[in-house]
Amino acid sequence: MSALIGRTLAHYRITAAIGAGGMGEVYRATDAKLAREVALKVLPSELAARPRALERFRREAKALAATRPPPASSPSTRSRRRTASTS
């Protein structure tokens, strides 16, 4: 799993491994375009070649993108929201 640490995929610089499961591996990465930390899921090539697995991955990505606040929000953003809602 550590083979990708230190490498760049597209504009994401992979910095650490987070976990692995049936659909692939998850890494901590830095988005060079937005200068923020993100979780990056990488599918194995054998799964990426299967249309059903790729569609499942896309559905998962859309579901995560629709969540509010975003799963990768910064701690300071969460603190401000929490403070604002309790006042």
C-alpha atoms as a PDB file:
ATOM      1  CA  MET A   1       0.000   0.000   0.000  1.00  0.00           C
ATOM      2  CA  SER A   2       2.877   2.372   0.617  1.00  0.00           C
ATOM      3  CA  ALA A   3       4.060   2.232  -3.020  1.00  0.00           C
ATOM      4  CA  LEU A   4       2.195   5.479  -3.872  1.00  0.00           C
ATOM      5  CA  ILE A   5       3.400   7.554  -0.914  1.00  0.00           C
ATOM      6  CA  GLY A   6       5.488  10.443  -2.193  1.00  0.00           C
ATOM      7  CA  ARG A   7       4.147  10.156  -5.728  1.00  0.00           C
ATOM      8  CA  THR A   8       1.853  12.542  -7.565  1.00  0.00           C
ATOM      9  CA  LEU A   9      -1.367  11.459  -9.307  1.00  0.00           C
ATOM     10  CA  ALA A  10      -2.827  14.223 -11.453  1.00  0.00           C
ATOM     11  CA  HIS A  11      -2.540  17.242  -9.123  1.00  0.00           C
ATOM     12  CA  TYR A  12      -2.597  15.242  -5.879  1.00  0.00           C
ATOM     13  CA  ARG A  13       0.635  14.661  -3.934  1.00  0.00           C
ATOM     14  CA  ILE A  14       0.204  11.491  -1.862  1.00  0.00           C
ATOM     15  CA  THR A  15       1.573  11.903   1.653  1.00  0.00           C
ATOM     16  CA  ALA A  16       0.313   8.943   3.730  1.00  0.00           C
ATOM     17  CA  ALA A  17      -1.698   5.746   3.624  1.00  0.00           C
ATOM     18  CA  ILE A  18      -5.044   5.821   5.448  1.00  0.00           C
ATOM     19  CA  GLY A  19      -6.522   2.384   4.741  1.00  0.00           C
ATOM     20  CA  ALA A  20      -7.487  -0.282   2.241  1.00  0.00           C
ATOM     21  CA  GLY A  21     -10.603  -2.275   1.499  1.00  0.00           C
ATOM     22  CA  GLY A  22     -12.472  -4.181  -1.159  1.00  0.00           C
ATOM     23  CA  MET A  23     -12.783  -1.215  -3.541  1.00  0.00           C
ATOM     24  CA  GLY A  24      -9.238   0.091  -3.273  1.00  0.00           C
ATOM     25  CA  GLU A  25      -6.803   2.065  -1.155  1.00  0.00           C
ATOM     26  CA  VAL A  26      -7.299   5.438   0.527  1.00  0.00           C
ATOM     27  CA  TYR A  27      -4.474   7.931   0.951  1.00  0.00           C
ATOM     28  CA  ARG A  28      -3.984  11.344   2.513  1.00  0.00           C
ATOM     29  CA  ALA A  29      -2.926  13.731  -0.241  1.00  0.00           C
ATOM     30  CA  THR A  30      -2.401  17.398  -0.914  1.00  0.00           C
ATOM     31  CA  ASP A  31      -4.453  18.952  -3.699  1.00  0.00           C
ATOM     32  CA  ALA A  32      -1.859  21.177  -5.399  1.00  0.00           C
ATOM     33  CA  LYS A  33      -4.517  23.258  -7.178  1.00  0.00           C
ATOM     34  CA  LEU A  34      -6.499  24.126  -4.039  1.00  0.00           C
ATOM     35  CA  ALA A  35      -3.669  23.806  -1.480  1.00  0.00           C
ATOM     36  CA  ARG A  36      -5.668  21.608   0.891  1.00  0.00           C
ATOM     37  CA  GLU A  37      -5.512  18.138   2.385  1.00  0.00           C
ATOM     38  CA  VAL A  38      -7.833  15.518   0.903  1.00  0.00           C
ATOM     39  CA  ALA A  39      -8.545  11.809   1.102  1.00  0.00           C
ATOM     40  CA  LEU A  40      -7.812  10.146  -2.240  1.00  0.00           C
ATOM     41  CA  LYS A  41      -9.231   6.738  -3.126  1.00  0.00           C
ATOM     42  CA  VAL A  42      -7.359   4.701  -5.729  1.00  0.00           C
ATOM     43  CA  LEU A  43      -8.978   1.730  -7.434  1.00  0.00           C
ATOM     44  CA  PRO A  44      -6.871  -1.245  -8.472  1.00  0.00           C
ATOM     45  CA  SER A  45      -6.578  -1.484 -12.274  1.00  0.00           C
ATOM     46  CA  GLU A  46      -8.540  -4.760 -12.376  1.00  0.00           C
ATOM     47  CA  LEU A  47     -11.527  -3.042 -10.735  1.00  0.00           C
ATOM     48  CA  ALA A  48     -11.192   0.129 -12.812  1.00  0.00           C
ATOM     49  CA  ALA A  49     -11.509  -2.043 -15.926  1.00  0.00           C
ATOM     50  CA  ARG A  50     -14.903  -3.421 -14.800  1.00  0.00           C
ATOM     51  CA  PRO A  51     -17.850  -1.198 -15.792  1.00  0.00           C
ATOM     52  CA  ARG A  52     -19.969  -2.199 -12.765  1.00  0.00           C
ATOM     53  CA  ALA A  53     -17.168  -1.517 -10.293  1.00  0.00           C
ATOM     54  CA  LEU A  54     -16.379   1.816 -11.933  1.00  0.00           C
ATOM     55  CA  GLU A  55     -20.051   2.829 -11.787  1.00  0.00           C
ATOM     56  CA  ARG A  56     -20.178   1.913  -8.086  1.00  0.00           C
ATOM     57  CA  PHE A  57     -17.088   4.063  -7.507  1.00  0.00           C
ATOM     58  CA  ARG A  58     -18.725   6.993  -9.335  1.00  0.00           C
ATOM     59  CA  ARG A  59     -21.908   6.651  -7.268  1.00  0.00           C
ATOM     60  CA  GLU A  60     -19.843   6.664  -4.086  1.00  0.00           C
ATOM     61  CA  ALA A  61     -17.954   9.775  -5.229  1.00  0.00           C
ATOM     62  CA  LYS A  62     -21.221  11.582  -6.031  1.00  0.00           C
ATOM     63  CA  ALA A  63     -22.697  10.646  -2.651  1.00  0.00           C
ATOM     64  CA  LEU A  64     -19.620  11.995  -0.827  1.00  0.00           C
ATOM     65  CA  ALA A  65     -19.642  15.170  -2.912  1.00  0.00           C
ATOM     66  CA  ALA A  66     -23.265  15.791  -1.907  1.00  0.00           C
ATOM     67  CA  THR A  67     -22.577  15.700   1.847  1.00  0.00           C
ATOM     68  CA  ARG A  68     -22.540  18.925   3.864  1.00  0.00           C
ATOM     69  CA  PRO A  69     -20.217  19.924   5.382  1.00  0.00           C
ATOM     70  CA  PRO A  70     -17.688  18.309   3.043  1.00  0.00           C
ATOM     71  CA  PRO A  71     -15.930  15.286   4.585  1.00  0.00           C
ATOM     72  CA  ALA A  72     -12.512  16.920   4.108  1.00  0.00           C
ATOM     73  CA  SER A  73     -13.428  20.232   5.758  1.00  0.00           C
ATOM     74  CA  SER A  74     -10.730  21.768   7.902  1.00  0.00           C
ATOM     75  CA  PRO A  75     -10.961  21.687  11.712  1.00  0.00           C
ATOM     76  CA  SER A  76     -11.165  25.490  11.845  1.00  0.00           C
ATOM     77  CA  THR A  77     -14.161  25.456   9.493  1.00  0.00           C
ATOM     78  CA  ARG A  78     -15.948  22.869  11.636  1.00  0.00           C
ATOM     79  CA  SER A  79     -15.198  24.868  14.793  1.00  0.00           C
ATOM     80  CA  ARG A  80     -16.610  28.066  13.343  1.00  0.00           C
ATOM     81  CA  ARG A  81     -19.773  26.308  12.213  1.00  0.00           C
ATOM     82  CA  ARG A  82     -20.212  24.668  15.583  1.00  0.00           C
ATOM     83  CA  THR A  83     -19.671  27.966  17.378  1.00  0.00           C
ATOM     84  CA  ALA A  84     -22.070  29.801  15.081  1.00  0.00           C
ATOM     85  CA  SER A  85     -24.828  27.227  15.585  1.00  0.00           C
ATOM     86  CA  THR A  86     -24.537  27.235  19.391  1.00  0.00           C
ATOM     87  CA  SER A  87     -24.729  31.002  19.875  1.00  0.00           C
END
